[in-house]
Amino acid sequence: MHGRVSLPDDRQGLLNQIWRRSGQRGGCFDVYAWRGEQVIFCEAKRQGKDRIRLSQRRWIEAAILEGVAQDSLLIVEWNCGVQLIPAKVKSS
């Protein structure tokens, strides 16, 4: 997604608090969603290709220290659903 999205002040405030506590902009969550007072932060990782970086660990720790419940932090591992099978090479 490209472009800037405006958040409600209270939602932006929580994100700013986590950002300040983490000490860095890098590592921000992929998805920030809410319904009423309930929030969820999601981080997506491609299976076998991606992993949680130190900057992301700092954001997770900062969120918890800012009062975000651990069950509101979600790491989603995904794959494209296709199993790659190496091609056989014919010998001459």
Protein backbone atom coordinates (compact mmCIF):
# COMPACT_ATOMS: atom_id res chain seq x y z
CA MET A 1 0.00 0.00 0.00
CA HIS A 2 1.35 3.38 -0.92
CA GLY A 3 0.43 6.77 0.38
CA ARG A 4 -0.41 8.20 3.74
CA VAL A 5 -3.27 7.07 5.93
CA SER A 6 -4.66 9.23 8.72
CA LEU A 7 -5.48 7.48 11.99
CA PRO A 8 -7.83 8.70 14.71
CA ASP A 9 -5.86 10.68 17.31
CA ASP A 10 -6.08 8.02 20.03
CA ARG A 11 -4.91 5.27 17.66
CA GLN A 12 -2.08 7.43 16.36
CA GLY A 13 -1.18 8.24 19.97
CA LEU A 14 -0.69 4.57 20.85
CA LEU A 15 1.45 4.02 17.77
CA ASN A 16 3.55 7.09 18.66
CA GLN A 17 4.06 5.82 22.22
CA ILE A 18 5.26 2.43 20.95
CA TRP A 19 7.52 4.10 18.41
CA ARG A 20 9.11 6.37 21.05
CA ARG A 21 9.65 3.49 23.47
CA SER A 22 11.17 1.28 20.74
CA GLY A 23 13.57 4.08 19.80
CA GLN A 24 13.27 3.47 16.07
CA ARG A 25 10.85 3.71 13.17
CA GLY A 26 12.00 0.47 11.54
CA GLY A 27 10.20 -2.59 12.81
CA CYS A 28 6.67 -1.19 12.79
CA PHE A 29 3.93 -3.80 12.49
CA ASP A 30 2.50 -4.76 9.09
CA VAL A 31 -1.11 -4.42 10.25
CA TYR A 32 -2.70 -2.29 12.98
CA ALA A 33 -6.42 -2.91 13.42
CA TRP A 34 -8.99 -2.15 16.08
CA ARG A 35 -12.62 -2.48 17.02
CA GLY A 36 -13.78 -0.32 19.86
CA GLU A 37 -11.06 -0.45 22.49
CA GLN A 38 -9.62 -3.78 21.29
CA VAL A 39 -6.47 -3.55 19.15
CA ILE A 40 -4.43 -6.08 17.23
CA PHE A 41 -0.99 -5.78 15.69
CA CYS A 42 0.07 -8.32 13.06
CA GLU A 43 3.43 -9.13 11.55
CA ALA A 44 3.50 -11.31 8.41
CA LYS A 45 6.43 -13.60 7.67
CA ARG A 46 6.94 -15.79 4.62
CA GLN A 47 7.60 -19.37 5.64
CA GLY A 48 11.23 -20.36 5.22
CA LYS A 49 12.19 -16.96 3.77
CA ASP A 50 11.56 -14.41 6.52
CA ARG A 51 12.09 -14.03 10.25
CA ILE A 52 11.53 -11.56 13.06
CA ARG A 53 14.28 -8.92 13.05
CA LEU A 54 15.75 -7.22 16.13
CA SER A 55 13.92 -3.97 15.28
CA GLN A 56 10.62 -5.89 15.23
CA ARG A 57 11.40 -7.49 18.58
CA ARG A 58 11.91 -4.01 19.98
CA TRP A 59 8.51 -2.91 18.66
CA ILE A 60 6.86 -5.98 20.21
CA GLU A 61 8.55 -5.35 23.57
CA ALA A 62 7.63 -1.64 23.43
CA ALA A 63 3.99 -2.48 22.68
CA ILE A 64 3.81 -4.77 25.71
CA LEU A 65 5.42 -2.11 27.91
CA GLU A 66 2.82 0.39 26.63
CA GLY A 67 0.04 -1.90 27.83
CA VAL A 68 -0.82 -3.84 24.67
CA ALA A 69 -1.94 -7.33 25.68
CA GLN A 70 0.27 -10.15 24.44
CA ASP A 71 -2.76 -11.83 22.86
CA SER A 72 -3.15 -8.69 20.71
CA LEU A 73 0.21 -9.34 19.04
CA LEU A 74 0.06 -11.79 16.16
CA ILE A 75 2.79 -13.22 13.97
CA VAL A 76 1.39 -14.81 10.81
CA GLU A 77 3.52 -17.21 8.82
CA TRP A 78 2.40 -17.68 5.23
CA ASN A 79 3.42 -19.50 2.09
CA CYS A 80 2.18 -19.38 -1.46
CA GLY A 81 0.72 -22.87 -1.25
CA VAL A 82 2.91 -24.22 -4.03
CA GLN A 83 5.50 -26.86 -3.37
CA LEU A 84 8.45 -26.39 -5.66
CA ILE A 85 9.89 -29.62 -7.00
CA PRO A 86 13.36 -29.48 -8.59
CA ALA A 87 13.38 -30.33 -12.28
CA LYS A 88 15.18 -33.51 -13.28
CA VAL A 89 18.08 -32.97 -15.65
CA LYS A 90 18.31 -35.50 -18.48
CA SER A 91 21.76 -36.79 -19.19
CA SER A 92 22.78 -37.37 -22.80
